[in-house]
Amino acid sequence: MSCKKRYPIRNWSEYNKALVNRGSLTIWFDQNSIKNWNSQKRSARRGRPTVYSDVAIQCCLTIKMVFHLPLRATQGLVSSLLELMRLPLVAPDYTLLCLRQKKLPLTMIKTCRADKNIHLVIDSTGLKLYGEGEWKVKKHGKDKRRTWLKLHLGINADTHDVEACVLTADQVNDCEVVPALLDQVTASLDQVTGDSAYGDCRNPDLRGMPKRG
């Protein structure tokens, strides 16, 4: 029976300080967010003009997601932060946050592209669909014809970024999706790795694929 490894702590002062710092909180608003908090767009449509920009809505929703807050508590927290920082800004109302989050455009996260060729790791996972089929299972028991989808992913082995993705039905073999995954990768490939399912169906060994680009 293996014993759990123990790590003796000798620097108690630094250890206690690190535990205290876990509860510290620092929030700041950059100048771009402060400047663009209020909407500068003037719509030609009739009605009340847009007061808050997408930057303000996204800022509030980000705080909501980070601290797992409801919309009302999000409005209160943002209002308190703006008051503590003495900024001449007003927090959006919680009803406005609820309406604007449905139409808020998604901002893609910029990833740093390396100059070297990448090592792509591909694999798939099953996604269960909820709907009429799940109701039948609860009502009449298990059904052989349950609905599934397969999500095929291509991951950069170094940065763990998702380089490619394909969603297919569960009847599609993994090896059939390889060309569609490789077509989405813009960087040069040094190596492509997958399990035995991606090497079947007359596909060449993925570990020995030549470089692209």
N, C-alpha and C. Protein backbone atom coordinates (compact mmCIF):
# COMPACT_ATOMS: atom_id res chain seq x y z
N MET A 1 0.85 -1.19 0.00
CA MET A 1 0.00 0.00 0.00
C MET A 1 0.88 1.23 0.00
N SER A 2 0.71 2.08 -0.99
CA SER A 2 1.58 3.25 -1.13
C SER A 2 1.13 4.35 -0.18
N CYS A 3 2.10 5.01 0.41
CA CYS A 3 1.82 6.13 1.32
C CYS A 3 1.81 7.44 0.55
N LYS A 4 0.96 8.35 0.99
CA LYS A 4 0.88 9.65 0.35
C LYS A 4 2.13 10.46 0.65
N LYS A 5 2.65 11.09 -0.39
CA LYS A 5 3.88 11.84 -0.24
C LYS A 5 3.61 13.13 0.52
N ARG A 6 4.46 13.46 1.45
CA ARG A 6 4.31 14.68 2.22
C ARG A 6 5.43 15.65 1.88
N TYR A 7 5.05 16.91 1.75
CA TYR A 7 6.01 17.96 1.43
C TYR A 7 6.09 18.90 2.63
N PRO A 8 7.16 18.83 3.40
CA PRO A 8 7.27 19.71 4.58
C PRO A 8 7.39 21.17 4.17
N ILE A 9 6.71 22.03 4.89
CA ILE A 9 6.72 23.47 4.63
C ILE A 9 7.62 24.14 5.65
N ARG A 10 8.64 24.81 5.17
CA ARG A 10 9.58 25.49 6.05
C ARG A 10 9.43 27.01 6.01
N ASN A 11 8.99 27.54 4.84
CA ASN A 11 8.82 28.99 4.71
C ASN A 11 7.37 29.37 5.04
N TRP A 12 7.01 29.28 6.33
CA TRP A 12 5.62 29.50 6.73
C TRP A 12 5.16 30.92 6.45
N SER A 13 6.03 31.87 6.59
CA SER A 13 5.61 33.26 6.36
C SER A 13 5.21 33.49 4.91
N GLU A 14 6.01 32.97 3.98
CA GLU A 14 5.66 33.12 2.56
C GLU A 14 4.43 32.29 2.21
N TYR A 15 4.30 31.12 2.84
CA TYR A 15 3.14 30.27 2.58
C TYR A 15 1.85 30.94 3.05
N ASN A 16 1.87 31.52 4.23
CA ASN A 16 0.69 32.22 4.74
C ASN A 16 0.36 33.43 3.90
N LYS A 17 1.38 34.12 3.44
CA LYS A 17 1.15 35.30 2.59
C LYS A 17 0.51 34.89 1.27
N ALA A 18 0.94 33.76 0.72
CA ALA A 18 0.35 33.29 -0.53
C ALA A 18 -1.11 32.92 -0.33
N LEU A 19 -1.45 32.31 0.82
CA LEU A 19 -2.84 31.98 1.08
C LEU A 19 -3.71 33.22 1.24
N VAL A 20 -3.14 34.26 1.85
CA VAL A 20 -3.88 35.51 2.01
C VAL A 20 -4.11 36.17 0.65
N ASN A 21 -3.10 36.12 -0.20
CA ASN A 21 -3.20 36.78 -1.51
C ASN A 21 -4.22 36.10 -2.42
N ARG A 22 -4.61 34.87 -2.11
CA ARG A 22 -5.63 34.21 -2.92
C ARG A 22 -6.97 34.94 -2.84
N GLY A 23 -7.19 35.63 -1.73
CA GLY A 23 -8.45 36.35 -1.59
C GLY A 23 -8.38 37.80 -2.02
N SER A 24 -7.22 38.26 -2.44
CA SER A 24 -7.10 39.66 -2.87
C SER A 24 -7.75 39.83 -4.23
N LEU A 25 -8.25 41.01 -4.48
CA LEU A 25 -8.98 41.30 -5.71
C LEU A 25 -8.53 42.64 -6.27
N THR A 26 -8.19 42.64 -7.53
CA THR A 26 -7.80 43.86 -8.22
C THR A 26 -8.55 43.93 -9.53
N ILE A 27 -9.36 44.94 -9.69
CA ILE A 27 -10.13 45.15 -10.92
C ILE A 27 -9.86 46.57 -11.40
N TRP A 28 -9.55 46.69 -12.68
CA TRP A 28 -9.36 48.01 -13.26
C TRP A 28 -10.03 48.07 -14.62
N PHE A 29 -10.38 49.28 -15.00
CA PHE A 29 -10.97 49.54 -16.30
C PHE A 29 -9.93 50.25 -17.15
N ASP A 30 -9.63 49.68 -18.32
CA ASP A 30 -8.67 50.33 -19.19
C ASP A 30 -9.29 51.57 -19.83
N GLN A 31 -8.44 52.42 -20.34
CA GLN A 31 -8.89 53.69 -20.91
C GLN A 31 -9.80 53.49 -22.11
N ASN A 32 -9.57 52.44 -22.86
CA ASN A 32 -10.42 52.17 -24.02
C ASN A 32 -11.85 51.86 -23.60
N SER A 33 -12.01 51.09 -22.52
CA SER A 33 -13.34 50.76 -22.03
C SER A 33 -14.04 51.98 -21.45
N ILE A 34 -13.29 52.80 -20.74
CA ILE A 34 -13.88 54.02 -20.17
C ILE A 34 -14.31 54.98 -21.26
N LYS A 35 -13.48 55.12 -22.28
CA LYS A 35 -13.78 56.04 -23.36
C LYS A 35 -14.98 55.59 -24.18
N ASN A 36 -15.10 54.27 -24.39
CA ASN A 36 -16.15 53.73 -25.25
C ASN A 36 -17.29 53.10 -24.45
N TRP A 37 -17.42 53.49 -23.17
CA TRP A 37 -18.50 52.92 -22.35
C TRP A 37 -19.87 53.31 -22.89
N ASN A 38 -20.03 54.57 -23.20
CA ASN A 38 -21.29 55.04 -23.78
C ASN A 38 -21.25 54.90 -25.29
N SER A 39 -22.37 54.53 -25.86
CA SER A 39 -22.44 54.30 -27.30
C SER A 39 -22.30 55.61 -28.07
N GLN A 40 -21.49 55.58 -29.12
CA GLN A 40 -21.30 56.75 -29.97
C GLN A 40 -22.11 56.67 -31.25
N LYS A 41 -22.79 55.54 -31.45
CA LYS A 41 -23.55 55.35 -32.68
C LYS A 41 -24.87 56.09 -32.60
N ARG A 42 -25.26 56.66 -33.69
CA ARG A 42 -26.53 57.35 -33.80
C ARG A 42 -27.38 56.64 -34.84
N SER A 43 -28.42 55.98 -34.38
CA SER A 43 -29.26 55.22 -35.29
C SER A 43 -30.30 56.12 -35.93
N ALA A 44 -30.62 55.83 -37.20
CA ALA A 44 -31.64 56.61 -37.90
C ALA A 44 -33.05 56.14 -37.58
N ARG A 45 -33.16 55.04 -36.86
CA ARG A 45 -34.48 54.51 -36.52
C ARG A 45 -35.10 55.33 -35.40
N ARG A 46 -36.42 55.31 -35.35
CA ARG A 46 -37.13 56.01 -34.31
C ARG A 46 -37.04 55.25 -32.99
N GLY A 47 -37.23 55.98 -31.91
CA GLY A 47 -37.19 55.36 -30.60
C GLY A 47 -36.01 55.85 -29.78
N ARG A 48 -35.87 55.25 -28.63
CA ARG A 48 -34.80 55.65 -27.71
C ARG A 48 -33.44 55.24 -28.27
N PRO A 49 -32.47 56.15 -28.26
CA PRO A 49 -31.15 55.79 -28.81
C PRO A 49 -30.42 54.83 -27.87
N THR A 50 -29.43 54.14 -28.43
CA THR A 50 -28.62 53.20 -27.64
C THR A 50 -27.69 53.98 -26.72
N VAL A 51 -27.77 53.68 -25.43
CA VAL A 51 -26.98 54.41 -24.44
C VAL A 51 -25.63 53.75 -24.21
N TYR A 52 -25.61 52.43 -24.06
CA TYR A 52 -24.39 51.70 -23.72
C TYR A 52 -23.85 50.98 -24.95
N SER A 53 -22.54 50.99 -25.07
CA SER A 53 -21.89 50.33 -26.20
C SER A 53 -21.76 48.83 -25.92
N ASP A 54 -21.35 48.10 -26.95
CA ASP A 54 -21.11 46.67 -26.77
C ASP A 54 -19.96 46.41 -25.80
N VAL A 55 -19.02 47.34 -25.70
CA VAL A 55 -17.91 47.19 -24.76
C VAL A 55 -18.42 47.17 -23.33
N ALA A 56 -19.37 48.06 -23.00
CA ALA A 56 -19.92 48.10 -21.65
C ALA A 56 -20.70 46.83 -21.33
N ILE A 57 -21.50 46.36 -22.28
CA ILE A 57 -22.28 45.15 -22.05
C ILE A 57 -21.37 43.95 -21.89
N GLN A 58 -20.35 43.86 -22.72
CA GLN A 58 -19.42 42.73 -22.62
C GLN A 58 -18.64 42.78 -21.32
N CYS A 59 -18.28 43.95 -20.86
CA CYS A 59 -17.56 44.09 -19.58
C CYS A 59 -18.42 43.59 -18.43
N CYS A 60 -19.70 43.99 -18.40
CA CYS A 60 -20.59 43.55 -17.32
C CYS A 60 -20.84 42.05 -17.38
N LEU A 61 -21.03 41.52 -18.57
CA LEU A 61 -21.28 40.08 -18.70
C LEU A 61 -20.04 39.25 -18.36
N THR A 62 -18.86 39.81 -18.62
CA THR A 62 -17.63 39.12 -18.23
C THR A 62 -17.52 39.01 -16.72
N ILE A 63 -17.82 40.10 -16.02
CA ILE A 63 -17.82 40.08 -14.55
C ILE A 63 -18.87 39.10 -14.04
N LYS A 64 -20.00 39.05 -14.70
CA LYS A 64 -21.06 38.12 -14.31
C LYS A 64 -20.59 36.68 -14.40
N MET A 65 -19.90 36.33 -15.48
CA MET A 65 -19.45 34.97 -15.67
C MET A 65 -18.31 34.61 -14.73
N VAL A 66 -17.42 35.55 -14.47
CA VAL A 66 -16.26 35.26 -13.62
C VAL A 66 -16.70 34.98 -12.18
N PHE A 67 -17.63 35.79 -11.66
CA PHE A 67 -18.05 35.66 -10.27
C PHE A 67 -19.36 34.88 -10.12
N HIS A 68 -19.89 34.33 -11.22
CA HIS A 68 -21.11 33.51 -11.18
C HIS A 68 -22.25 34.27 -10.50
N LEU A 69 -22.55 35.44 -11.01
CA LEU A 69 -23.55 36.31 -10.42
C LEU A 69 -24.81 36.33 -11.27
N PRO A 70 -25.97 36.53 -10.66
CA PRO A 70 -27.17 36.81 -11.45
C PRO A 70 -27.11 38.24 -12.00
N LEU A 71 -28.03 38.56 -12.88
CA LEU A 71 -27.97 39.86 -13.56
C LEU A 71 -28.15 41.02 -12.59
N ARG A 72 -29.04 40.88 -11.61
CA ARG A 72 -29.25 41.96 -10.66
C ARG A 72 -28.01 42.23 -9.82
N ALA A 73 -27.37 41.15 -9.35
CA ALA A 73 -26.14 41.31 -8.58
C ALA A 73 -25.01 41.86 -9.44
N THR A 74 -25.02 41.54 -10.72
CA THR A 74 -24.00 42.09 -11.63
C THR A 74 -24.14 43.60 -11.74
N GLN A 75 -25.37 44.07 -11.87
CA GLN A 75 -25.59 45.51 -11.93
C GLN A 75 -25.10 46.17 -10.65
N GLY A 76 -25.37 45.57 -9.50
CA GLY A 76 -24.93 46.15 -8.24
C GLY A 76 -23.42 46.18 -8.09
N LEU A 77 -22.75 45.09 -8.52
CA LEU A 77 -21.29 45.04 -8.41
C LEU A 77 -20.63 46.05 -9.33
N VAL A 78 -21.10 46.14 -10.57
CA VAL A 78 -20.52 47.10 -11.51
C VAL A 78 -20.76 48.53 -11.02
N SER A 79 -21.93 48.81 -10.49
CA SER A 79 -22.21 50.15 -9.95
C SER A 79 -21.27 50.49 -8.79
N SER A 80 -21.01 49.51 -7.92
CA SER A 80 -20.09 49.74 -6.80
C SER A 80 -18.67 49.99 -7.28
N LEU A 81 -18.24 49.23 -8.29
CA LEU A 81 -16.89 49.42 -8.82
C LEU A 81 -16.73 50.80 -9.44
N LEU A 82 -17.71 51.21 -10.22
CA LEU A 82 -17.64 52.53 -10.85
C LEU A 82 -17.65 53.64 -9.79
N GLU A 83 -18.39 53.42 -8.71
CA GLU A 83 -18.42 54.43 -7.64
C GLU A 83 -17.12 54.47 -6.87
N LEU A 84 -16.53 53.29 -6.59
CA LEU A 84 -15.26 53.26 -5.87
C LEU A 84 -14.13 53.86 -6.70
N MET A 85 -14.17 53.68 -8.01
CA MET A 85 -13.14 54.23 -8.88
C MET A 85 -13.42 55.66 -9.29
N ARG A 86 -14.55 56.20 -8.83
CA ARG A 86 -14.93 57.58 -9.10
C ARG A 86 -14.97 57.88 -10.60
N LEU A 87 -15.57 56.96 -11.32
CA LEU A 87 -15.72 57.15 -12.76
C LEU A 87 -17.11 57.70 -13.05
N PRO A 88 -17.22 58.68 -13.91
CA PRO A 88 -18.53 59.27 -14.24
C PRO A 88 -19.33 58.41 -15.20
N LEU A 89 -19.52 57.14 -14.83
CA LEU A 89 -20.23 56.20 -15.69
C LEU A 89 -21.35 55.55 -14.90
N VAL A 90 -22.32 55.03 -15.61
CA VAL A 90 -23.48 54.38 -15.00
C VAL A 90 -23.52 52.94 -15.48
N ALA A 91 -23.81 52.02 -14.57
CA ALA A 91 -23.90 50.60 -14.92
C ALA A 91 -25.20 50.32 -15.67
N PRO A 92 -25.17 49.47 -16.68
CA PRO A 92 -26.40 49.11 -17.40
C PRO A 92 -27.39 48.40 -16.49
N ASP A 93 -28.66 48.60 -16.75
CA ASP A 93 -29.70 47.94 -16.00
C ASP A 93 -29.69 46.44 -16.29
N TYR A 94 -30.12 45.63 -15.32
CA TYR A 94 -30.09 44.18 -15.49
C TYR A 94 -31.03 43.71 -16.61
N THR A 95 -32.14 44.41 -16.81
CA THR A 95 -33.03 44.05 -17.91
C THR A 95 -32.37 44.34 -19.26
N LEU A 96 -31.60 45.42 -19.32
CA LEU A 96 -30.89 45.74 -20.56
C LEU A 96 -29.80 44.71 -20.83
N LEU A 97 -29.12 44.27 -19.77
CA LEU A 97 -28.10 43.22 -19.96
C LEU A 97 -28.72 41.95 -20.50
N CYS A 98 -29.91 41.62 -20.00
CA CYS A 98 -30.59 40.40 -20.46
C CYS A 98 -30.95 40.50 -21.93
N LEU A 99 -31.37 41.68 -22.37
CA LEU A 99 -31.77 41.85 -23.77
C LEU A 99 -30.56 41.93 -24.70
N ARG A 100 -29.53 42.65 -24.27
CA ARG A 100 -28.39 42.87 -25.15
C ARG A 100 -27.49 41.64 -25.27
N GLN A 101 -27.49 40.77 -24.28
CA GLN A 101 -26.60 39.61 -24.36
C GLN A 101 -27.01 38.65 -25.46
N LYS A 102 -28.27 38.70 -25.87
CA LYS A 102 -28.73 37.82 -26.94
C LYS A 102 -28.20 38.25 -28.31
N LYS A 103 -27.95 39.55 -28.48
CA LYS A 103 -27.52 40.07 -29.77
C LYS A 103 -26.08 40.56 -29.76
N LEU A 104 -25.37 40.29 -28.67
CA LEU A 104 -24.00 40.78 -28.56
C LEU A 104 -23.09 40.00 -29.50
N PRO A 105 -22.38 40.68 -30.40
CA PRO A 105 -21.47 39.94 -31.31
C PRO A 105 -20.32 39.33 -30.56
N LEU A 106 -19.95 38.12 -30.96
CA LEU A 106 -18.86 37.41 -30.31
C LEU A 106 -17.52 37.95 -30.78
N THR A 107 -16.64 38.22 -29.85
CA THR A 107 -15.29 38.69 -30.15
C THR A 107 -14.34 37.51 -30.07
N MET A 108 -13.73 37.17 -31.19
CA MET A 108 -12.82 36.03 -31.23
C MET A 108 -11.55 36.34 -30.45
N ILE A 109 -11.09 35.36 -29.70
CA ILE A 109 -9.86 35.50 -28.94
C ILE A 109 -8.67 35.34 -29.88
N LYS A 110 -7.79 36.32 -29.85
CA LYS A 110 -6.63 36.28 -30.72
C LYS A 110 -5.60 35.31 -30.15
N THR A 111 -5.14 34.42 -30.97
CA THR A 111 -4.13 33.46 -30.55
C THR A 111 -2.79 33.79 -31.20
N CYS A 112 -1.75 33.48 -30.48
CA CYS A 112 -0.40 33.74 -30.99
C CYS A 112 0.03 32.56 -31.85
N ARG A 113 0.34 32.85 -33.09
CA ARG A 113 0.77 31.81 -34.02
C ARG A 113 2.28 31.69 -34.00
N ALA A 114 2.73 30.47 -33.81
CA ALA A 114 4.17 30.23 -33.82
C ALA A 114 4.68 30.14 -35.24
N ASP A 115 5.95 30.49 -35.40
CA ASP A 115 6.56 30.45 -36.73
C ASP A 115 6.88 29.01 -37.15
N LYS A 116 7.06 28.14 -36.19
CA LYS A 116 7.43 26.76 -36.53
C LYS A 116 6.19 25.96 -36.90
N ASN A 117 6.43 24.82 -37.53
CA ASN A 117 5.34 23.92 -37.87
C ASN A 117 4.72 23.34 -36.61
N ILE A 118 3.44 23.02 -36.69
CA ILE A 118 2.72 22.57 -35.51
C ILE A 118 2.51 21.07 -35.54
N HIS A 119 2.33 20.51 -34.37
CA HIS A 119 2.00 19.10 -34.20
C HIS A 119 0.51 19.03 -33.89
N LEU A 120 -0.27 18.45 -34.79
CA LEU A 120 -1.72 18.41 -34.66
C LEU A 120 -2.15 17.06 -34.12
N VAL A 121 -2.95 17.08 -33.05
CA VAL A 121 -3.51 15.87 -32.45
C VAL A 121 -5.01 15.88 -32.69
N ILE A 122 -5.52 14.83 -33.29
CA ILE A 122 -6.95 14.78 -33.64
C ILE A 122 -7.62 13.65 -32.87
N ASP A 123 -8.87 13.90 -32.47
CA ASP A 123 -9.65 12.91 -31.76
C ASP A 123 -11.11 13.33 -31.85
N SER A 124 -12.01 12.45 -31.44
CA SER A 124 -13.44 12.74 -31.51
C SER A 124 -14.10 12.41 -30.19
N THR A 125 -15.25 13.03 -29.95
CA THR A 125 -16.04 12.78 -28.76
C THR A 125 -17.51 12.79 -29.11
N GLY A 126 -18.31 12.10 -28.35
CA GLY A 126 -19.74 12.01 -28.62
C GLY A 126 -20.52 13.10 -27.91
N LEU A 127 -21.53 13.63 -28.58
CA LEU A 127 -22.42 14.64 -28.02
C LEU A 127 -23.84 14.09 -28.04
N LYS A 128 -24.46 14.01 -26.89
CA LYS A 128 -25.82 13.49 -26.81
C LYS A 128 -26.81 14.62 -27.08
N LEU A 129 -27.81 14.33 -27.89
CA LEU A 129 -28.85 15.31 -28.21
C LEU A 129 -30.02 15.15 -27.25
N TYR A 130 -30.51 16.28 -26.75
CA TYR A 130 -31.67 16.27 -25.86
C TYR A 130 -32.88 16.75 -26.65
N GLY A 131 -34.00 16.13 -26.39
CA GLY A 131 -35.22 16.51 -27.11
C GLY A 131 -36.24 15.40 -27.02
N GLU A 132 -36.87 15.10 -28.14
CA GLU A 132 -37.92 14.08 -28.16
C GLU A 132 -37.38 12.72 -27.77
N GLY A 133 -36.17 12.40 -28.19
CA GLY A 133 -35.60 11.09 -27.87
C GLY A 133 -35.43 10.89 -26.38
N GLU A 134 -34.99 11.94 -25.66
CA GLU A 134 -34.82 11.83 -24.22
C GLU A 134 -36.16 11.66 -23.51
N TRP A 135 -37.19 12.30 -24.03
CA TRP A 135 -38.52 12.14 -23.43
C TRP A 135 -39.00 10.71 -23.58
N LYS A 136 -38.73 10.10 -24.72
CA LYS A 136 -39.13 8.71 -24.94
C LYS A 136 -38.40 7.77 -24.01
N VAL A 137 -37.12 8.06 -23.74
CA VAL A 137 -36.35 7.21 -22.84
C VAL A 137 -36.93 7.27 -21.43
N LYS A 138 -37.28 8.48 -20.96
CA LYS A 138 -37.85 8.61 -19.62
C LYS A 138 -39.24 7.99 -19.54
N LYS A 139 -39.98 8.06 -20.64
CA LYS A 139 -41.36 7.58 -20.62
C LYS A 139 -41.45 6.08 -20.84
N HIS A 140 -40.69 5.55 -21.78
CA HIS A 140 -40.82 4.15 -22.18
C HIS A 140 -39.55 3.33 -21.92
N GLY A 141 -38.57 3.91 -21.31
CA GLY A 141 -37.34 3.17 -21.06
C GLY A 141 -36.32 3.37 -22.17
N LYS A 142 -35.26 2.59 -22.14
CA LYS A 142 -34.17 2.74 -23.09
C LYS A 142 -34.62 2.42 -24.50
N ASP A 143 -34.04 3.16 -25.45
CA ASP A 143 -34.35 2.97 -26.86
C ASP A 143 -33.05 2.73 -27.60
N LYS A 144 -33.07 1.78 -28.53
CA LYS A 144 -31.86 1.49 -29.29
C LYS A 144 -31.50 2.63 -30.23
N ARG A 145 -32.47 3.39 -30.67
CA ARG A 145 -32.21 4.45 -31.65
C ARG A 145 -32.04 5.79 -30.95
N ARG A 146 -31.05 5.90 -30.11
CA ARG A 146 -30.76 7.17 -29.43
C ARG A 146 -29.90 8.04 -30.34
N THR A 147 -30.10 9.34 -30.27
CA THR A 147 -29.45 10.27 -31.19
C THR A 147 -28.15 10.80 -30.60
N TRP A 148 -27.08 10.68 -31.38
CA TRP A 148 -25.77 11.17 -30.98
C TRP A 148 -25.13 11.92 -32.15
N LEU A 149 -24.25 12.83 -31.82
CA LEU A 149 -23.40 13.48 -32.81
C LEU A 149 -21.95 13.29 -32.39
N LYS A 150 -21.06 13.40 -33.36
CA LYS A 150 -19.63 13.26 -33.08
C LYS A 150 -18.93 14.57 -33.40
N LEU A 151 -18.15 15.05 -32.45
CA LEU A 151 -17.37 16.26 -32.62
C LEU A 151 -15.91 15.87 -32.80
N HIS A 152 -15.36 16.14 -33.97
CA HIS A 152 -13.96 15.84 -34.28
C HIS A 152 -13.14 17.11 -34.08
N LEU A 153 -12.07 17.01 -33.32
CA LEU A 153 -11.25 18.17 -32.99
C LEU A 153 -9.81 17.94 -33.41
N GLY A 154 -9.19 19.03 -33.86
CA GLY A 154 -7.76 19.05 -34.13
C GLY A 154 -7.09 20.03 -33.19
N ILE A 155 -6.23 19.54 -32.29
CA ILE A 155 -5.64 20.35 -31.22
C ILE A 155 -4.15 20.52 -31.47
N ASN A 156 -3.68 21.75 -31.27
CA ASN A 156 -2.25 22.01 -31.32
C ASN A 156 -1.61 21.41 -30.07
N ALA A 157 -0.69 20.51 -30.24
CA ALA A 157 -0.10 19.80 -29.11
C ALA A 157 0.71 20.72 -28.21
N ASP A 158 1.24 21.81 -28.73
CA ASP A 158 2.07 22.71 -27.93
C ASP A 158 1.25 23.76 -27.20
N THR A 159 0.31 24.41 -27.89
CA THR A 159 -0.46 25.51 -27.29
C THR A 159 -1.84 25.08 -26.81
N HIS A 160 -2.28 23.86 -27.18
CA HIS A 160 -3.61 23.35 -26.82
C HIS A 160 -4.73 24.17 -27.45
N ASP A 161 -4.45 24.88 -28.51
CA ASP A 161 -5.48 25.63 -29.24
C ASP A 161 -6.23 24.69 -30.17
N VAL A 162 -7.52 24.97 -30.34
CA VAL A 162 -8.33 24.20 -31.28
C VAL A 162 -8.09 24.75 -32.68
N GLU A 163 -7.44 23.98 -33.51
CA GLU A 163 -7.11 24.41 -34.86
C GLU A 163 -8.20 24.05 -35.87
N ALA A 164 -8.97 23.01 -35.62
CA ALA A 164 -10.00 22.58 -36.56
C ALA A 164 -11.06 21.80 -35.80
N CYS A 165 -12.29 21.85 -36.31
CA CYS A 165 -13.37 21.08 -35.71
C CYS A 165 -14.41 20.76 -36.78
N VAL A 166 -14.98 19.58 -36.68
CA VAL A 166 -16.01 19.12 -37.61
C VAL A 166 -17.06 18.37 -36.80
N LEU A 167 -18.34 18.68 -37.04
CA LEU A 167 -19.45 18.02 -36.37
C LEU A 167 -20.16 17.13 -37.37
N THR A 168 -20.26 15.85 -37.06
CA THR A 168 -20.87 14.88 -37.98
C THR A 168 -21.87 14.01 -37.22
N ALA A 169 -22.58 13.18 -37.99
CA ALA A 169 -23.45 12.19 -37.39
C ALA A 169 -22.61 11.06 -36.81
N ASP A 170 -23.23 10.25 -35.95
CA ASP A 170 -22.46 9.21 -35.29
C ASP A 170 -22.09 8.07 -36.22
N GLN A 171 -22.74 7.98 -37.40
CA GLN A 171 -22.41 6.90 -38.33
C GLN A 171 -21.15 7.18 -39.14
N VAL A 172 -20.67 8.41 -39.12
CA VAL A 172 -19.50 8.78 -39.92
C VAL A 172 -18.24 8.25 -39.24
N ASN A 173 -17.41 7.57 -40.02
CA ASN A 173 -16.15 7.05 -39.49
C ASN A 173 -15.16 8.18 -39.26
N ASP A 174 -14.29 7.98 -38.27
CA ASP A 174 -13.32 9.02 -37.93
C ASP A 174 -12.37 9.31 -39.09
N CYS A 175 -11.98 8.29 -39.81
CA CYS A 175 -11.01 8.48 -40.88
C CYS A 175 -11.58 9.32 -42.02
N GLU A 176 -12.89 9.35 -42.19
CA GLU A 176 -13.50 10.12 -43.28
C GLU A 176 -13.42 11.62 -43.04
N VAL A 177 -13.19 12.04 -41.82
CA VAL A 177 -13.22 13.46 -41.48
C VAL A 177 -11.83 14.08 -41.53
N VAL A 178 -10.80 13.25 -41.68
CA VAL A 178 -9.43 13.78 -41.66
C VAL A 178 -9.19 14.85 -42.72
N PRO A 179 -9.60 14.66 -43.98
CA PRO A 179 -9.36 15.73 -44.97
C PRO A 179 -10.04 17.05 -44.61
N ALA A 180 -11.25 16.98 -44.07
CA ALA A 180 -11.95 18.21 -43.68
C ALA A 180 -11.25 18.91 -42.53
N LEU A 181 -10.67 18.15 -41.61
CA LEU A 181 -9.93 18.76 -40.51
C LEU A 181 -8.65 19.42 -40.99
N LEU A 182 -7.93 18.74 -41.87
CA LEU A 182 -6.66 19.28 -42.35
C LEU A 182 -6.87 20.52 -43.22
N ASP A 183 -7.98 20.59 -43.93
CA ASP A 183 -8.24 21.76 -44.77
C ASP A 183 -8.46 23.03 -43.93
N GLN A 184 -8.86 22.88 -42.68
CA GLN A 184 -9.11 24.05 -41.83
C GLN A 184 -7.83 24.60 -41.21
N VAL A 185 -6.78 23.82 -41.19
CA VAL A 185 -5.52 24.24 -40.57
C VAL A 185 -4.74 25.10 -41.55
N THR A 186 -4.48 26.33 -41.17
CA THR A 186 -3.75 27.26 -42.04
C THR A 186 -2.24 27.18 -41.85
N ALA A 187 -1.80 26.72 -40.67
CA ALA A 187 -0.37 26.65 -40.41
C ALA A 187 0.22 25.40 -41.04
N SER A 188 1.52 25.37 -41.14
CA SER A 188 2.22 24.19 -41.69
C SER A 188 2.26 23.09 -40.64
N LEU A 189 2.05 21.87 -41.09
CA LEU A 189 2.00 20.73 -40.20
C LEU A 189 3.33 19.99 -40.19
N ASP A 190 3.82 19.74 -39.01
CA ASP A 190 5.02 18.94 -38.86
C ASP A 190 4.67 17.48 -38.59
N GLN A 191 3.56 17.28 -37.87
CA GLN A 191 3.14 15.92 -37.53
C GLN A 191 1.67 15.93 -37.19
N VAL A 192 0.97 14.86 -37.58
CA VAL A 192 -0.44 14.67 -37.25
C VAL A 192 -0.57 13.34 -36.54
N THR A 193 -1.18 13.35 -35.37
CA THR A 193 -1.28 12.15 -34.54
C THR A 193 -2.74 11.87 -34.23
N GLY A 194 -3.14 10.62 -34.38
CA GLY A 194 -4.48 10.19 -34.03
C GLY A 194 -4.46 8.73 -33.63
N ASP A 195 -5.58 8.24 -33.08
CA ASP A 195 -5.62 6.84 -32.67
C ASP A 195 -5.84 5.95 -33.89
N SER A 196 -6.03 4.65 -33.64
CA SER A 196 -6.13 3.69 -34.73
C SER A 196 -7.37 3.91 -35.60
N ALA A 197 -8.41 4.56 -35.05
CA ALA A 197 -9.62 4.80 -35.85
C ALA A 197 -9.35 5.74 -37.01
N TYR A 198 -8.40 6.64 -36.87
CA TYR A 198 -8.07 7.56 -37.95
C TYR A 198 -7.09 6.96 -38.94
N GLY A 199 -6.58 5.79 -38.68
CA GLY A 199 -5.67 5.15 -39.61
C GLY A 199 -6.33 4.10 -40.47
N ASP A 200 -7.62 3.81 -40.20
CA ASP A 200 -8.34 2.81 -40.98
C ASP A 200 -8.90 3.42 -42.25
N CYS A 201 -9.71 2.64 -42.93
CA CYS A 201 -10.43 3.10 -44.13
C CYS A 201 -9.48 3.59 -45.21
N ARG A 202 -8.39 2.85 -45.43
CA ARG A 202 -7.44 3.17 -46.50
C ARG A 202 -6.75 4.52 -46.30
N ASN A 203 -6.71 5.01 -45.08
CA ASN A 203 -5.98 6.23 -44.79
C ASN A 203 -4.53 5.87 -44.46
N PRO A 204 -3.57 6.69 -44.84
CA PRO A 204 -2.19 6.40 -44.47
C PRO A 204 -1.97 6.61 -42.98
N ASP A 205 -0.86 6.08 -42.49
CA ASP A 205 -0.53 6.27 -41.09
C ASP A 205 -0.37 7.75 -40.81
N LEU A 206 -1.12 8.28 -39.83
CA LEU A 206 -1.10 9.72 -39.57
C LEU A 206 0.24 10.19 -39.02
N ARG A 207 0.94 9.31 -38.37
CA ARG A 207 2.23 9.72 -37.80
C ARG A 207 3.27 9.97 -38.90
N GLY A 208 3.07 9.43 -40.05
CA GLY A 208 4.04 9.58 -41.11
C GLY A 208 3.60 10.52 -42.22
N MET A 209 2.62 11.38 -41.94
CA MET A 209 2.14 12.27 -42.97
C MET A 209 3.17 13.32 -43.31
N PRO A 210 3.31 13.70 -44.57
CA PRO A 210 4.33 14.70 -44.93
C PRO A 210 3.93 16.09 -44.47
N LYS A 211 4.90 16.99 -44.50
CA LYS A 211 4.67 18.37 -44.11
C LYS A 211 3.80 19.08 -45.14
N ARG A 212 3.06 20.05 -44.64
CA ARG A 212 2.24 20.88 -45.52
C ARG A 212 2.71 22.31 -45.44
N GLY A 213 2.42 23.06 -46.49
CA GLY A 213 2.72 24.49 -46.46
C GLY A 213 4.09 24.79 -47.00
